[in-house]
């Protein structure tokens, strides 16, 4: 398995994303374009980047200063727990409410209220579980 948020891991997530119609196709239907970054709460910069155009991930890898639309942060322990056990809609709401999942950029509350975005977002955490991480 690859190291969490390494370029190798981000590209495995890209491949899983693009192979999952419930994520890629649902987001393509709404014309979803976004620069998504992720990393750890205690660090200034995100670790990984994920660029989505019309629902498809077109580039993934190491963060290199790009301006994110979405920047998700959590502790390493929480990320690893979600990679191992997954994270459903209720768990995601709880993680956000308790401050375990933070968004430095992006409007979590608006996104989670829109089922066209919320469903694929939750499924993307299932993809993380599918690929695992070190």
Protein backbone atom coordinates (compact mmCIF):
# COMPACT_ATOMS: atom_id res chain seq x y z
CA UNK A 1 0.00 0.00 0.00
CA UNK A 2 1.04 3.56 -0.62
CA UNK A 3 1.62 6.26 1.98
CA UNK A 4 -1.52 8.33 2.70
CA UNK A 5 -1.62 11.46 0.46
CA UNK A 6 1.59 10.55 -1.41
CA UNK A 7 1.54 11.06 -5.18
CA UNK A 8 1.21 7.29 -5.59
CA UNK A 9 -1.77 7.15 -3.21
CA UNK A 10 -3.47 10.17 -4.78
CA UNK A 11 -3.15 8.53 -8.21
CA UNK A 12 -4.63 5.28 -6.89
CA UNK A 13 -7.55 7.35 -5.61
CA UNK A 14 -7.80 9.03 -9.04
CA UNK A 15 -8.04 5.62 -10.75
CA UNK A 16 -10.67 4.40 -8.26
CA UNK A 17 -12.64 7.66 -8.65
CA UNK A 18 -12.68 7.46 -12.43
CA UNK A 19 -13.72 3.79 -12.33
CA UNK A 20 -16.69 4.50 -10.02
CA UNK A 21 -19.77 5.69 -11.96
CA UNK A 22 -21.55 6.68 -8.73
CA UNK A 23 -18.85 9.29 -8.21
CA UNK A 24 -17.54 10.28 -11.66
CA UNK A 25 -20.81 10.11 -13.62
CA UNK A 26 -22.97 11.69 -10.89
CA UNK A 27 -20.59 14.65 -10.67
CA UNK A 28 -20.33 14.90 -14.46
CA UNK A 29 -24.14 15.28 -14.56
CA UNK A 30 -23.86 18.53 -12.57
CA UNK A 31 -20.73 19.77 -14.37
CA UNK A 32 -18.56 19.47 -11.26
CA UNK A 33 -15.12 21.07 -11.65
CA UNK A 34 -12.93 21.44 -8.60
CA UNK A 35 -9.43 21.51 -7.18
CA UNK A 36 -9.50 19.36 -4.05
CA UNK A 37 -6.65 19.20 -1.56
CA UNK A 38 -6.26 17.18 1.60
CA UNK A 39 -3.87 16.89 4.45
CA UNK A 40 -3.40 17.10 8.19
CA UNK A 41 -4.92 19.66 10.55
CA UNK A 42 -1.60 20.51 12.19
CA UNK A 43 0.15 21.43 8.93
CA UNK A 44 0.03 24.73 7.05
CA UNK A 45 -0.06 23.18 3.58
CA UNK A 46 -2.11 20.27 2.27
CA UNK A 47 -0.27 17.12 1.18
CA UNK A 48 -2.19 15.89 -1.86
CA UNK A 49 -4.16 17.38 -4.74
CA UNK A 50 -6.99 16.05 -6.83
CA UNK A 51 -8.16 18.01 -9.90
CA UNK A 52 -11.67 17.23 -11.19
CA UNK A 53 -13.09 18.42 -14.50
CA UNK A 54 -16.67 17.56 -15.44
CA UNK A 55 -16.72 14.86 -12.76
CA UNK A 56 -13.53 13.12 -13.90
CA UNK A 57 -10.25 13.34 -12.03
CA UNK A 58 -7.77 14.58 -14.61
CA UNK A 59 -4.75 15.02 -12.32
CA UNK A 60 -3.68 13.89 -8.88
CA UNK A 61 -0.46 13.95 -6.92
CA UNK A 62 1.60 16.07 -4.57
CA UNK A 63 0.30 19.51 -3.64
CA UNK A 64 2.41 22.23 -5.30
CA UNK A 65 0.80 25.49 -4.28
CA UNK A 66 -2.42 25.29 -6.31
CA UNK A 67 -5.42 27.28 -5.05
CA UNK A 68 -8.00 24.77 -3.77
CA UNK A 69 -11.76 24.97 -4.04
CA UNK A 70 -11.94 22.34 -1.30
CA UNK A 71 -9.26 21.72 1.34
CA UNK A 72 -10.05 18.90 3.76
CA UNK A 73 -8.05 18.38 6.91
CA UNK A 74 -8.08 15.89 9.76
CA UNK A 75 -5.57 14.30 12.10
CA UNK A 76 -3.53 11.42 10.72
CA UNK A 77 -5.27 9.09 13.20
CA UNK A 78 -8.73 10.12 11.96
CA UNK A 79 -7.78 9.83 8.29
CA UNK A 80 -6.38 6.34 8.92
CA UNK A 81 -9.54 5.34 10.81
CA UNK A 82 -11.68 6.46 7.85
CA UNK A 83 -9.39 4.73 5.35
CA UNK A 84 -9.69 1.51 7.35
CA UNK A 85 -13.37 1.61 8.33
CA UNK A 86 -14.97 4.02 5.86
CA UNK A 87 -17.12 7.02 6.66
CA UNK A 88 -20.84 7.21 5.95
CA UNK A 89 -23.12 10.23 5.84
CA UNK A 90 -23.91 10.19 9.56
CA UNK A 91 -20.29 9.66 10.53
CA UNK A 92 -19.22 12.47 8.24
CA UNK A 93 -21.72 14.88 9.81
CA UNK A 94 -20.50 13.90 13.26
CA UNK A 95 -16.83 14.25 12.26
CA UNK A 96 -17.54 17.74 10.90
CA UNK A 97 -19.63 18.80 13.92
CA UNK A 98 -16.94 17.58 16.34
CA UNK A 99 -14.16 19.31 14.39
CA UNK A 100 -12.46 16.07 13.36
CA UNK A 101 -13.00 16.85 9.67
CA UNK A 102 -12.23 20.47 8.81
CA UNK A 103 -12.64 22.36 5.58
CA UNK A 104 -10.12 25.18 5.16
CA UNK A 105 -11.78 25.89 1.79
CA UNK A 106 -15.22 24.80 0.60
CA UNK A 107 -18.69 24.98 2.10
CA UNK A 108 -19.36 21.62 3.75
CA UNK A 109 -22.84 22.62 4.92
CA UNK A 110 -24.00 23.64 1.44
CA UNK A 111 -22.44 20.55 -0.15
CA UNK A 112 -23.94 18.08 2.31
CA UNK A 113 -27.43 19.55 1.75
CA UNK A 114 -27.17 18.93 -2.00
CA UNK A 115 -27.70 15.20 -2.64
CA UNK A 116 -26.12 15.54 -6.11
CA UNK A 117 -22.83 16.35 -4.36
CA UNK A 118 -23.24 14.68 -0.96
CA UNK A 119 -23.71 11.15 -2.31
CA UNK A 120 -20.55 11.16 -4.46
CA UNK A 121 -18.60 12.88 -1.66
CA UNK A 122 -19.48 10.13 0.82
CA UNK A 123 -18.70 7.48 -1.81
CA UNK A 124 -15.26 9.03 -2.32
CA UNK A 125 -14.46 8.10 1.29
CA UNK A 126 -15.46 4.54 0.43
CA UNK A 127 -12.90 4.64 -2.38
CA UNK A 128 -10.25 5.57 0.18
CA UNK A 129 -11.25 2.52 2.16
CA UNK A 130 -11.02 0.37 -0.98
CA UNK A 131 -7.42 1.40 -1.77
CA UNK A 132 -6.14 1.49 1.82
CA UNK A 133 -3.04 3.40 2.96
CA UNK A 134 0.13 3.18 5.00
